[in-house]
């Protein structure tokens, strides 16, 4: 998806969520400065993902069941594994080190840091509400880190791949790097919030559900794009337009 198309989607999201483009841009500039003295491994990210099948792991209720099947059949060995923030903890619990993690640093930082130390490339996202976390946690990450933003521009070390939530951003990232087959795991997008998602109070649940609704809509937008096929392995949750539900046998045939 080109940046012009993404910006049109971003403005719709900003209107629904009350986002400040100024704050989002400022956060991107802060992250760019924090990453200024580090190697930017964008070529490594492209190498990891180009023309491969990707599994994108969300932190929904289906995640552990999906992981049990994926590890049983060792499907992770034939795919690039992209975990969304909180899902990283679950992958580590199953003995998997994700190749790439998309995170706005809302999840379990110990798990994110551990994955980064063990070789996961972290794509750290900047937005107006996580500037303090960027300043605290980015300097603590000693592995490979690339920045991302949502304002539709590229800054030094901080790129706009598209995407809003950590899960759908993993899908956009895979598509932008040339992945042709994307399998969704733990991407339920329903009213039930998974145990690996960020813990929230009842007062914030409505906003969380709106984010999930937006995430689902964005995945549907990716599914409309050319040169990519999306499949949904998630057991529960919402149907996603343009994304066929599959079982583990279907996935095995798809990547064989």
C-alpha atoms as a PDB file:
ATOM      1  CA  UNK A   1       0.000   0.000   0.000  1.00  0.00           C
ATOM      2  CA  UNK A   2       1.462   3.351  -0.969  1.00  0.00           C
ATOM      3  CA  UNK A   3       1.870   6.154   1.562  1.00  0.00           C
ATOM      4  CA  UNK A   4      -0.821   8.293  -0.052  1.00  0.00           C
ATOM      5  CA  UNK A   5      -3.415   5.532   0.384  1.00  0.00           C
ATOM      6  CA  UNK A   6      -2.236   4.928   3.937  1.00  0.00           C
ATOM      7  CA  UNK A   7      -2.553   8.616   4.831  1.00  0.00           C
ATOM      8  CA  UNK A   8      -6.185   8.598   3.733  1.00  0.00           C
ATOM      9  CA  UNK A   9      -6.797   5.643   6.077  1.00  0.00           C
ATOM     10  CA  UNK A  10      -4.844   7.333   8.866  1.00  0.00           C
ATOM     11  CA  UNK A  11      -7.007  10.447   8.690  1.00  0.00           C
ATOM     12  CA  UNK A  12     -10.130   8.280   9.035  1.00  0.00           C
ATOM     13  CA  UNK A  13      -8.610   6.577  12.083  1.00  0.00           C
ATOM     14  CA  UNK A  14      -7.511   9.893  13.576  1.00  0.00           C
ATOM     15  CA  UNK A  15     -11.059  11.204  13.243  1.00  0.00           C
ATOM     16  CA  UNK A  16     -12.565   8.127  14.935  1.00  0.00           C
ATOM     17  CA  UNK A  17      -9.981   7.930  17.724  1.00  0.00           C
ATOM     18  CA  UNK A  18      -9.326  11.617  18.323  1.00  0.00           C
ATOM     19  CA  UNK A  19      -5.650  11.315  17.406  1.00  0.00           C
ATOM     20  CA  UNK A  20      -3.333  14.284  17.034  1.00  0.00           C
ATOM     21  CA  UNK A  21      -1.217  14.175  13.875  1.00  0.00           C
ATOM     22  CA  UNK A  22       1.099  16.711  15.503  1.00  0.00           C
ATOM     23  CA  UNK A  23       1.707  14.429  18.509  1.00  0.00           C
ATOM     24  CA  UNK A  24       2.107  11.355  16.314  1.00  0.00           C
ATOM     25  CA  UNK A  25       4.667  13.188  14.174  1.00  0.00           C
ATOM     26  CA  UNK A  26       6.480  14.491  17.258  1.00  0.00           C
ATOM     27  CA  UNK A  27       6.683  10.941  18.640  1.00  0.00           C
ATOM     28  CA  UNK A  28       8.210   9.768  15.343  1.00  0.00           C
ATOM     29  CA  UNK A  29      10.855  12.497  15.558  1.00  0.00           C
ATOM     30  CA  UNK A  30      11.636  11.548  19.173  1.00  0.00           C
ATOM     31  CA  UNK A  31      12.086   7.911  18.172  1.00  0.00           C
ATOM     32  CA  UNK A  32      14.237   8.939  15.208  1.00  0.00           C
ATOM     33  CA  UNK A  33      16.558  10.782  17.571  1.00  0.00           C
ATOM     34  CA  UNK A  34      16.670   7.856  20.013  1.00  0.00           C
ATOM     35  CA  UNK A  35      17.747   5.552  17.173  1.00  0.00           C
ATOM     36  CA  UNK A  36      20.210   8.018  15.673  1.00  0.00           C
ATOM     37  CA  UNK A  37      23.383   6.295  16.896  1.00  0.00           C
ATOM     38  CA  UNK A  38      22.234   2.765  16.106  1.00  0.00           C
ATOM     39  CA  UNK A  39      22.541   0.770  12.923  1.00  0.00           C
ATOM     40  CA  UNK A  40      19.310   0.740  10.963  1.00  0.00           C
ATOM     41  CA  UNK A  41      18.796  -2.797   9.696  1.00  0.00           C
ATOM     42  CA  UNK A  42      16.021  -2.170   7.182  1.00  0.00           C
ATOM     43  CA  UNK A  43      17.795  -4.379   4.648  1.00  0.00           C
ATOM     44  CA  UNK A  44      17.891  -7.195   7.207  1.00  0.00           C
ATOM     45  CA  UNK A  45      14.148  -6.806   7.734  1.00  0.00           C
ATOM     46  CA  UNK A  46      13.604  -7.035   3.984  1.00  0.00           C
ATOM     47  CA  UNK A  47      15.848 -10.099   3.806  1.00  0.00           C
ATOM     48  CA  UNK A  48      13.921 -11.818   6.605  1.00  0.00           C
ATOM     49  CA  UNK A  49      10.557 -11.257   4.948  1.00  0.00           C
ATOM     50  CA  UNK A  50      10.995 -11.019   1.187  1.00  0.00           C
ATOM     51  CA  UNK A  51       8.870 -13.538  -0.742  1.00  0.00           C
ATOM     52  CA  UNK A  52       8.344 -15.746   2.290  1.00  0.00           C
ATOM     53  CA  UNK A  53       5.180 -17.000   3.948  1.00  0.00           C
ATOM     54  CA  UNK A  54       4.538 -15.160   7.208  1.00  0.00           C
ATOM     55  CA  UNK A  55       2.549 -16.071  10.286  1.00  0.00           C
ATOM     56  CA  UNK A  56       1.379 -12.956  12.122  1.00  0.00           C
ATOM     57  CA  UNK A  57       0.504 -13.700  15.743  1.00  0.00           C
ATOM     58  CA  UNK A  58      -2.003 -11.465  17.520  1.00  0.00           C
ATOM     59  CA  UNK A  59      -2.724 -11.544  21.237  1.00  0.00           C
ATOM     60  CA  UNK A  60      -6.318 -12.759  20.890  1.00  0.00           C
ATOM     61  CA  UNK A  61      -8.040 -15.660  22.687  1.00  0.00           C
ATOM     62  CA  UNK A  62      -7.095 -18.159  19.941  1.00  0.00           C
ATOM     63  CA  UNK A  63      -3.373 -17.565  20.351  1.00  0.00           C
ATOM     64  CA  UNK A  64      -2.395 -20.455  22.629  1.00  0.00           C
ATOM     65  CA  UNK A  65      -4.500 -22.988  20.718  1.00  0.00           C
ATOM     66  CA  UNK A  66      -2.971 -21.790  17.450  1.00  0.00           C
ATOM     67  CA  UNK A  67       0.528 -21.984  18.909  1.00  0.00           C
ATOM     68  CA  UNK A  68      -0.077 -25.521  20.157  1.00  0.00           C
ATOM     69  CA  UNK A  69      -0.920 -26.646  16.616  1.00  0.00           C
ATOM     70  CA  UNK A  70       1.800 -24.617  14.937  1.00  0.00           C
ATOM     71  CA  UNK A  71       4.483 -26.028  17.239  1.00  0.00           C
ATOM     72  CA  UNK A  72       3.098 -29.572  17.038  1.00  0.00           C
ATOM     73  CA  UNK A  73       3.398 -29.508  13.237  1.00  0.00           C
ATOM     74  CA  UNK A  74       6.590 -27.380  13.293  1.00  0.00           C
ATOM     75  CA  UNK A  75       5.055 -24.939  10.827  1.00  0.00           C
ATOM     76  CA  UNK A  76       7.089 -22.105  12.319  1.00  0.00           C
ATOM     77  CA  UNK A  77      10.175 -23.609  10.670  1.00  0.00           C
ATOM     78  CA  UNK A  78       8.755 -22.946   7.191  1.00  0.00           C
ATOM     79  CA  UNK A  79       7.549 -19.400   7.821  1.00  0.00           C
ATOM     80  CA  UNK A  80       8.764 -16.073   9.055  1.00  0.00           C
ATOM     81  CA  UNK A  81       7.143 -15.472  12.449  1.00  0.00           C
ATOM     82  CA  UNK A  82       5.899 -11.972  13.294  1.00  0.00           C
ATOM     83  CA  UNK A  83       4.481 -11.423  16.776  1.00  0.00           C
ATOM     84  CA  UNK A  84       2.420  -8.455  17.867  1.00  0.00           C
ATOM     85  CA  UNK A  85       3.586  -7.020  21.190  1.00  0.00           C
ATOM     86  CA  UNK A  86       1.858  -9.089  23.914  1.00  0.00           C
ATOM     87  CA  UNK A  87       1.818 -12.209  21.747  1.00  0.00           C
ATOM     88  CA  UNK A  88       5.608 -12.298  22.110  1.00  0.00           C
ATOM     89  CA  UNK A  89       5.307 -13.597  25.666  1.00  0.00           C
ATOM     90  CA  UNK A  90       3.163 -16.494  24.460  1.00  0.00           C
ATOM     91  CA  UNK A  91       5.622 -17.400  21.694  1.00  0.00           C
ATOM     92  CA  UNK A  92       8.472 -17.433  24.194  1.00  0.00           C
ATOM     93  CA  UNK A  93       6.405 -19.655  26.500  1.00  0.00           C
ATOM     94  CA  UNK A  94       6.098 -22.111  23.601  1.00  0.00           C
ATOM     95  CA  UNK A  95       9.831 -22.001  22.969  1.00  0.00           C
ATOM     96  CA  UNK A  96       9.625 -19.831  19.836  1.00  0.00           C
ATOM     97  CA  UNK A  97      11.744 -16.769  19.166  1.00  0.00           C
ATOM     98  CA  UNK A  98       9.820 -14.540  16.749  1.00  0.00           C
ATOM     99  CA  UNK A  99      11.767 -13.271  13.764  1.00  0.00           C
ATOM    100  CA  UNK A 100      10.098  -9.871  14.023  1.00  0.00           C
ATOM    101  CA  UNK A 101       8.071  -8.151  16.749  1.00  0.00           C
ATOM    102  CA  UNK A 102       5.766  -5.181  16.168  1.00  0.00           C
ATOM    103  CA  UNK A 103       5.309  -3.212  19.359  1.00  0.00           C
ATOM    104  CA  UNK A 104       4.350   0.173  20.738  1.00  0.00           C
ATOM    105  CA  UNK A 105       5.896  -0.956  24.054  1.00  0.00           C
ATOM    106  CA  UNK A 106       2.540  -1.530  25.764  1.00  0.00           C
ATOM    107  CA  UNK A 107       3.211  -5.227  26.336  1.00  0.00           C
ATOM    108  CA  UNK A 108       5.381  -7.156  28.761  1.00  0.00           C
ATOM    109  CA  UNK A 109       8.714  -5.380  28.350  1.00  0.00           C
ATOM    110  CA  UNK A 110      10.647  -8.239  29.933  1.00  0.00           C
ATOM    111  CA  UNK A 111       9.374 -10.532  27.174  1.00  0.00           C
ATOM    112  CA  UNK A 112      10.073  -7.959  24.457  1.00  0.00           C
ATOM    113  CA  UNK A 113      13.598  -7.373  25.747  1.00  0.00           C
ATOM    114  CA  UNK A 114      14.267 -11.091  26.079  1.00  0.00           C
ATOM    115  CA  UNK A 115      13.139 -11.733  22.515  1.00  0.00           C
ATOM    116  CA  UNK A 116      15.266  -8.830  21.266  1.00  0.00           C
ATOM    117  CA  UNK A 117      18.341 -10.200  23.056  1.00  0.00           C
ATOM    118  CA  UNK A 118      17.730 -13.612  21.484  1.00  0.00           C
ATOM    119  CA  UNK A 119      17.572 -12.267  17.950  1.00  0.00           C
ATOM    120  CA  UNK A 120      14.090 -10.856  17.331  1.00  0.00           C
ATOM    121  CA  UNK A 121      14.102  -7.707  15.250  1.00  0.00           C
ATOM    122  CA  UNK A 122      11.882  -5.215  17.071  1.00  0.00           C
ATOM    123  CA  UNK A 123       9.861  -2.757  15.018  1.00  0.00           C
ATOM    124  CA  UNK A 124       9.071  -0.153  17.673  1.00  0.00           C
ATOM    125  CA  UNK A 125       6.120   2.070  16.875  1.00  0.00           C
ATOM    126  CA  UNK A 126       5.872   5.756  17.753  1.00  0.00           C
ATOM    127  CA  UNK A 127       2.570   7.505  18.425  1.00  0.00           C
ATOM    128  CA  UNK A 128       1.414  10.431  20.480  1.00  0.00           C
ATOM    129  CA  UNK A 129       0.515   8.376  23.555  1.00  0.00           C
ATOM    130  CA  UNK A 130       3.762   6.451  24.041  1.00  0.00           C
ATOM    131  CA  UNK A 131       6.476   9.121  23.984  1.00  0.00           C
ATOM    132  CA  UNK A 132       7.427   8.500  27.624  1.00  0.00           C
ATOM    133  CA  UNK A 133       7.732   4.755  26.992  1.00  0.00           C
ATOM    134  CA  UNK A 134       9.911   5.388  23.958  1.00  0.00           C
ATOM    135  CA  UNK A 135      12.291   7.462  26.065  1.00  0.00           C
ATOM    136  CA  UNK A 136      12.418   4.890  28.869  1.00  0.00           C
ATOM    137  CA  UNK A 137      12.543   1.583  27.011  1.00  0.00           C
ATOM    138  CA  UNK A 138      14.229   2.119  23.641  1.00  0.00           C
ATOM    139  CA  UNK A 139      17.652   2.824  25.226  1.00  0.00           C
ATOM    140  CA  UNK A 140      17.330  -0.484  27.145  1.00  0.00           C
ATOM    141  CA  UNK A 141      16.934  -2.544  23.966  1.00  0.00           C
ATOM    142  CA  UNK A 142      20.352  -3.821  22.907  1.00  0.00           C
ATOM    143  CA  UNK A 143      19.312  -5.934  19.915  1.00  0.00           C
ATOM    144  CA  UNK A 144      18.201  -4.778  16.477  1.00  0.00           C
ATOM    145  CA  UNK A 145      15.510  -2.078  16.527  1.00  0.00           C
ATOM    146  CA  UNK A 146      13.764  -0.309  13.655  1.00  0.00           C
ATOM    147  CA  UNK A 147      11.270   2.496  14.175  1.00  0.00           C
ATOM    148  CA  UNK A 148       7.790   2.806  12.693  1.00  0.00           C
ATOM    149  CA  UNK A 149       5.203   5.572  12.624  1.00  0.00           C
ATOM    150  CA  UNK A 150       1.645   6.094  11.435  1.00  0.00           C
ATOM    151  CA  UNK A 151       1.651   9.583   9.899  1.00  0.00           C
ATOM    152  CA  UNK A 152       2.444   8.442   6.364  1.00  0.00           C
ATOM    153  CA  UNK A 153       6.025   9.693   6.132  1.00  0.00           C
ATOM    154  CA  UNK A 154       9.477   8.191   6.523  1.00  0.00           C
ATOM    155  CA  UNK A 155      11.979   9.722   8.937  1.00  0.00           C
ATOM    156  CA  UNK A 156      15.598   8.678   9.612  1.00  0.00           C
ATOM    157  CA  UNK A 157      15.365   5.158  11.117  1.00  0.00           C
ATOM    158  CA  UNK A 158      11.561   5.475  11.477  1.00  0.00           C
ATOM    159  CA  UNK A 159       9.407   4.226   8.613  1.00  0.00           C
ATOM    160  CA  UNK A 160       5.722   4.169   7.812  1.00  0.00           C
ATOM    161  CA  UNK A 161       4.764   0.641   6.808  1.00  0.00           C
ATOM    162  CA  UNK A 162       1.082   1.244   7.515  1.00  0.00           C
ATOM    163  CA  UNK A 163      -1.034  -0.176  10.298  1.00  0.00           C
ATOM    164  CA  UNK A 164      -2.521   1.058  13.563  1.00  0.00           C
ATOM    165  CA  UNK A 165      -2.644  -1.723  16.157  1.00  0.00           C
ATOM    166  CA  UNK A 166       0.344  -3.995  16.715  1.00  0.00           C
ATOM    167  CA  UNK A 167      -1.451  -6.907  15.055  1.00  0.00           C
ATOM    168  CA  UNK A 168      -2.610  -5.269  11.845  1.00  0.00           C
ATOM    169  CA  UNK A 169       0.725  -3.440  11.662  1.00  0.00           C
ATOM    170  CA  UNK A 170       2.421  -6.837  11.453  1.00  0.00           C
ATOM    171  CA  UNK A 171       0.233  -7.595   8.441  1.00  0.00           C
ATOM    172  CA  UNK A 172       1.057  -4.274   6.777  1.00  0.00           C
ATOM    173  CA  UNK A 173       4.751  -4.804   7.497  1.00  0.00           C
ATOM    174  CA  UNK A 174       4.736  -8.242   5.898  1.00  0.00           C
ATOM    175  CA  UNK A 175       2.921  -6.940   2.822  1.00  0.00           C
ATOM    176  CA  UNK A 176       5.238  -3.954   2.432  1.00  0.00           C
ATOM    177  CA  UNK A 177       8.292  -6.236   2.570  1.00  0.00           C
ATOM    178  CA  UNK A 178       7.015  -8.438  -0.249  1.00  0.00           C
ATOM    179  CA  UNK A 179       5.419 -11.348   1.626  1.00  0.00           C
ATOM    180  CA  UNK A 180       2.915 -13.040  -0.681  1.00  0.00           C
ATOM    181  CA  UNK A 181       1.126 -15.338   1.815  1.00  0.00           C
ATOM    182  CA  UNK A 182       0.141 -14.136   5.298  1.00  0.00           C
ATOM    183  CA  UNK A 183      -1.427 -16.449   7.885  1.00  0.00           C
ATOM    184  CA  UNK A 184      -3.201 -14.889  10.859  1.00  0.00           C
ATOM    185  CA  UNK A 185      -2.976 -16.630  14.239  1.00  0.00           C
ATOM    186  CA  UNK A 186      -4.554 -15.329  17.432  1.00  0.00           C
ATOM    187  CA  UNK A 187      -6.155 -12.509  15.447  1.00  0.00           C
ATOM    188  CA  UNK A 188      -9.721 -12.806  16.732  1.00  0.00           C
ATOM    189  CA  UNK A 189     -10.882  -9.174  16.656  1.00  0.00           C
ATOM    190  CA  UNK A 190     -13.931 -10.097  18.760  1.00  0.00           C
ATOM    191  CA  UNK A 191     -15.396  -8.752  21.993  1.00  0.00           C
ATOM    192  CA  UNK A 192     -13.352 -11.196  24.080  1.00  0.00           C
ATOM    193  CA  UNK A 193      -9.917  -9.811  24.872  1.00  0.00           C
ATOM    194  CA  UNK A 194      -7.048 -12.304  25.065  1.00  0.00           C
ATOM    195  CA  UNK A 195      -5.000 -12.822  28.216  1.00  0.00           C
ATOM    196  CA  UNK A 196      -1.822 -11.633  26.477  1.00  0.00           C
ATOM    197  CA  UNK A 197      -3.369  -8.299  25.532  1.00  0.00           C
ATOM    198  CA  UNK A 198      -2.662  -5.235  27.609  1.00  0.00           C
ATOM    199  CA  UNK A 199      -4.744  -5.260  30.792  1.00  0.00           C
ATOM    200  CA  UNK A 200      -7.297  -2.459  30.836  1.00  0.00           C
ATOM    201  CA  UNK A 201     -10.093  -1.258  33.087  1.00  0.00           C
ATOM    202  CA  UNK A 202     -13.754  -1.293  32.140  1.00  0.00           C
ATOM    203  CA  UNK A 203     -13.576   2.443  31.443  1.00  0.00           C
ATOM    204  CA  UNK A 204     -11.140   1.793  28.574  1.00  0.00           C
ATOM    205  CA  UNK A 205     -12.732  -1.367  27.203  1.00  0.00           C
ATOM    206  CA  UNK A 206     -14.919   0.499  24.705  1.00  0.00           C
ATOM    207  CA  UNK A 207     -11.843   2.228  23.260  1.00  0.00           C
ATOM    208  CA  UNK A 208      -9.992  -1.102  23.108  1.00  0.00           C
ATOM    209  CA  UNK A 209     -12.868  -2.683  21.179  1.00  0.00           C
ATOM    210  CA  UNK A 210     -12.882   0.263  18.776  1.00  0.00           C
ATOM    211  CA  UNK A 211      -9.159  -0.313  18.170  1.00  0.00           C
ATOM    212  CA  UNK A 212      -9.859  -3.974  17.415  1.00  0.00           C
ATOM    213  CA  UNK A 213     -12.626  -2.943  15.019  1.00  0.00           C
ATOM    214  CA  UNK A 214     -10.187  -0.626  13.251  1.00  0.00           C
ATOM    215  CA  UNK A 215      -7.535  -3.345  13.182  1.00  0.00           C
ATOM    216  CA  UNK A 216      -9.971  -5.742  11.517  1.00  0.00           C
ATOM    217  CA  UNK A 217     -10.948  -3.113   8.947  1.00  0.00           C
ATOM    218  CA  UNK A 218      -7.284  -2.470   8.142  1.00  0.00           C
ATOM    219  CA  UNK A 219      -6.564  -6.171   7.627  1.00  0.00           C
ATOM    220  CA  UNK A 220      -9.522  -6.222   5.231  1.00  0.00           C
ATOM    221  CA  UNK A 221      -7.916  -3.318   3.363  1.00  0.00           C
ATOM    222  CA  UNK A 222      -4.675  -5.288   2.984  1.00  0.00           C
ATOM    223  CA  UNK A 223      -6.670  -8.282   1.727  1.00  0.00           C
ATOM    224  CA  UNK A 224      -7.877  -6.112  -1.180  1.00  0.00           C
ATOM    225  CA  UNK A 225      -4.302  -5.481  -2.318  1.00  0.00           C
ATOM    226  CA  UNK A 226      -2.707  -7.301  -5.223  1.00  0.00           C
ATOM    227  CA  UNK A 227       0.049  -9.914  -4.899  1.00  0.00           C
ATOM    228  CA  UNK A 228      -0.874 -11.085  -1.410  1.00  0.00           C
ATOM    229  CA  UNK A 229      -3.134 -13.808   0.017  1.00  0.00           C
ATOM    230  CA  UNK A 230      -4.335 -13.774   3.616  1.00  0.00           C
ATOM    231  CA  UNK A 231      -5.633 -16.779   5.574  1.00  0.00           C
ATOM    232  CA  UNK A 232      -7.135 -16.831   9.063  1.00  0.00           C
ATOM    233  CA  UNK A 233      -6.102 -19.688  11.339  1.00  0.00           C
ATOM    234  CA  UNK A 234      -7.684 -18.077  14.428  1.00  0.00           C
ATOM    235  CA  UNK A 235     -10.261 -20.407  15.997  1.00  0.00           C
ATOM    236  CA  UNK A 236     -12.523 -17.751  17.483  1.00  0.00           C
ATOM    237  CA  UNK A 237     -13.603 -14.191  16.897  1.00  0.00           C
ATOM    238  CA  UNK A 238     -14.762 -12.337  13.844  1.00  0.00           C
ATOM    239  CA  UNK A 239     -14.831 -13.305  10.201  1.00  0.00           C
ATOM    240  CA  UNK A 240     -12.575 -11.004   8.183  1.00  0.00           C
ATOM    241  CA  UNK A 241     -13.743  -9.994   4.704  1.00  0.00           C
ATOM    242  CA  UNK A 242     -11.387 -11.250   2.032  1.00  0.00           C
ATOM    243  CA  UNK A 243      -9.548 -13.549   4.454  1.00  0.00           C
ATOM    244  CA  UNK A 244     -10.459 -17.225   4.261  1.00  0.00           C
ATOM    245  CA  UNK A 245     -10.688 -19.222   7.481  1.00  0.00           C
ATOM    246  CA  UNK A 246      -8.413 -22.258   7.355  1.00  0.00           C
ATOM    247  CA  UNK A 247      -7.398 -25.175   9.571  1.00  0.00           C
ATOM    248  CA  UNK A 248      -3.936 -26.496  10.236  1.00  0.00           C
ATOM    249  CA  UNK A 249      -4.157 -29.004   7.368  1.00  0.00           C
ATOM    250  CA  UNK A 250      -4.939 -26.173   4.952  1.00  0.00           C
ATOM    251  CA  UNK A 251      -1.926 -24.252   6.212  1.00  0.00           C
ATOM    252  CA  UNK A 252       0.353 -27.266   5.807  1.00  0.00           C
ATOM    253  CA  UNK A 253      -0.739 -27.604   2.183  1.00  0.00           C
ATOM    254  CA  UNK A 254      -0.325 -23.889   1.614  1.00  0.00           C
ATOM    255  CA  UNK A 255       3.313 -23.777   2.718  1.00  0.00           C
ATOM    256  CA  UNK A 256       4.472 -27.207   1.558  1.00  0.00           C
END
